Amino acid sequence: MSKIFFPILILCIFPVLVFAEEAIQTQESDTLDGIEVDLKSLKIKDDIITLKFKIRNAGTEKQSVKINFKNCYIMDQKNQKKYYVLKDSDGKYIAGPIYDNNEGGRFWFDIQPEKSKGLWMKFPEPVDETEEITISIPEMPPFEDVKLKE
């Protein structure tokens, strides 16, 4: 029986270990009870930074999370420069999911207790050979000292 049980156990656990991506950093909301945001990934390609987040409701009540993309930015700490979310040729932010196109686009979703919602944004890569950035999202403390390259 143990000859069969062990391979089955490995097959059940292996996908969880492979696909359970740890957060680079987590912040708890300053204003929304139970809302936590995980920075899940930072990728750079063709001088564009793509940030992916997971917004989680660890509380007991539904929370309405509203993020105007116009208020999100990254900061080159070394050179003290801000970079805002990129826009397309129609003036809409390259980010999502987008609830509506007010002010170029915004994230505005209800998140039930014990549930989560993904969020992504694209930024220009800082031009001055910086190694770390700070990420600012409204209603969250900043994600500080985030390494651009490993």
Foldseek 3Di string as FASTA:
>chain_A
DVVVVVVVVCVVCVVCVVPVQDFPDKWDFPPWPQWMKGFRDWDDDPQKIKTKIKIARQDQAKDKDKWDQQPKWKALVVVGDIWGFDADPVQAGPKDDFPDCVVRTMDIDIAHHGGIDMIMTMTGHDDPPGQAMWIDTPRTDIPGRHGNDD
